[in-house]
Amino acid sequence: MTEKELQEHAFKELLKKVVDNGQNYTEKMKSDLKEIIDHGKSPEEICEATLAYFAMCRWQ
């Protein structure tokens, strides 16, 4: 793995730990957010997808 790939992996693992510790998240939300994190290609893409996810949750 390159240094960039190691940093990306560490970033994603940290985000998933934050999700796991989210007391107000349902198990479904945690699962959805982890999928967003896993499939995101960049921090910006993960951020945009997460914001879109929470916007959709608000309207349901």
C-alpha atoms as a PDB file:
ATOM      1  CA  MET A   1       0.000   0.000   0.000  1.00  0.00           C
ATOM      2  CA  THR A   2       1.136   3.513  -0.714  1.00  0.00           C
ATOM      3  CA  GLU A   3       1.206   6.173   1.967  1.00  0.00           C
ATOM      4  CA  LYS A   4      -1.882   7.793   0.455  1.00  0.00           C
ATOM      5  CA  GLU A   5      -3.779   4.488   0.579  1.00  0.00           C
ATOM      6  CA  LEU A   6      -2.737   3.946   4.205  1.00  0.00           C
ATOM      7  CA  GLN A   7      -3.952   7.429   5.116  1.00  0.00           C
ATOM      8  CA  GLU A   8      -7.254   6.821   3.311  1.00  0.00           C
ATOM      9  CA  HIS A   9      -7.734   3.525   5.138  1.00  0.00           C
ATOM     10  CA  ALA A  10      -6.957   5.123   8.524  1.00  0.00           C
ATOM     11  CA  PHE A  11      -9.345   8.008   7.769  1.00  0.00           C
ATOM     12  CA  LYS A  12     -12.162   5.613   6.868  1.00  0.00           C
ATOM     13  CA  GLU A  13     -11.594   3.446   9.954  1.00  0.00           C
ATOM     14  CA  LEU A  14     -11.692   6.540  12.167  1.00  0.00           C
ATOM     15  CA  LEU A  15     -14.952   7.679  10.575  1.00  0.00           C
ATOM     16  CA  LYS A  16     -16.500   4.241  11.116  1.00  0.00           C
ATOM     17  CA  LYS A  17     -15.543   4.374  14.810  1.00  0.00           C
ATOM     18  CA  VAL A  18     -17.243   7.762  15.078  1.00  0.00           C
ATOM     19  CA  VAL A  19     -20.369   6.238  13.506  1.00  0.00           C
ATOM     20  CA  ASP A  20     -20.239   3.271  15.903  1.00  0.00           C
ATOM     21  CA  ASN A  21     -20.144   5.667  18.858  1.00  0.00           C
ATOM     22  CA  GLY A  22     -23.097   7.702  17.596  1.00  0.00           C
ATOM     23  CA  GLN A  23     -25.686   7.165  20.319  1.00  0.00           C
ATOM     24  CA  ASN A  24     -28.505   8.707  18.294  1.00  0.00           C
ATOM     25  CA  TYR A  25     -27.953   6.530  15.219  1.00  0.00           C
ATOM     26  CA  THR A  26     -30.046   3.439  14.622  1.00  0.00           C
ATOM     27  CA  GLU A  27     -28.307   0.250  13.514  1.00  0.00           C
ATOM     28  CA  LYS A  28     -29.674   0.850   9.992  1.00  0.00           C
ATOM     29  CA  MET A  29     -28.186   4.348   9.944  1.00  0.00           C
ATOM     30  CA  LYS A  30     -24.838   3.029  11.169  1.00  0.00           C
ATOM     31  CA  SER A  31     -24.831   0.405   8.446  1.00  0.00           C
ATOM     32  CA  ASP A  32     -25.774   2.938   5.763  1.00  0.00           C
ATOM     33  CA  LEU A  33     -23.131   5.407   6.884  1.00  0.00           C
ATOM     34  CA  LYS A  34     -20.435   2.730   6.937  1.00  0.00           C
ATOM     35  CA  GLU A  35     -21.363   1.805   3.362  1.00  0.00           C
ATOM     36  CA  ILE A  36     -21.011   5.445   2.349  1.00  0.00           C
ATOM     37  CA  ILE A  37     -17.602   5.566   4.011  1.00  0.00           C
ATOM     38  CA  ASP A  38     -16.421   2.314   2.415  1.00  0.00           C
ATOM     39  CA  HIS A  39     -17.464   3.321  -1.094  1.00  0.00           C
ATOM     40  CA  GLY A  40     -16.310   6.940  -0.973  1.00  0.00           C
ATOM     41  CA  LYS A  41     -13.330   7.713  -3.173  1.00  0.00           C
ATOM     42  CA  SER A  42     -12.266  10.879  -1.338  1.00  0.00           C
ATOM     43  CA  PRO A  43     -13.051  12.739   1.884  1.00  0.00           C
ATOM     44  CA  GLU A  44     -15.041  15.249  -0.163  1.00  0.00           C
ATOM     45  CA  GLU A  45     -17.137  12.519  -1.767  1.00  0.00           C
ATOM     46  CA  ILE A  46     -17.805  10.910   1.626  1.00  0.00           C
ATOM     47  CA  CYS A  47     -18.838  14.282   3.042  1.00  0.00           C
ATOM     48  CA  GLU A  48     -21.188  15.024   0.142  1.00  0.00           C
ATOM     49  CA  ALA A  49     -22.772  11.568   0.308  1.00  0.00           C
ATOM     50  CA  THR A  50     -23.199  11.815   4.082  1.00  0.00           C
ATOM     51  CA  LEU A  51     -24.861  15.212   3.800  1.00  0.00           C
ATOM     52  CA  ALA A  52     -27.171  13.872   1.093  1.00  0.00           C
ATOM     53  CA  TYR A  53     -28.007  10.852   3.274  1.00  0.00           C
ATOM     54  CA  PHE A  54     -28.982  13.015   6.245  1.00  0.00           C
ATOM     55  CA  ALA A  55     -30.985  15.331   3.977  1.00  0.00           C
ATOM     56  CA  MET A  56     -32.921  12.306   2.714  1.00  0.00           C
ATOM     57  CA  CYS A  57     -33.493  11.053   6.280  1.00  0.00           C
ATOM     58  CA  ARG A  58     -35.023  14.379   7.198  1.00  0.00           C
ATOM     59  CA  TRP A  59     -37.638  14.145   4.444  1.00  0.00           C
ATOM     60  CA  GLN A  60     -38.693  10.566   5.137  1.00  0.00           C
END
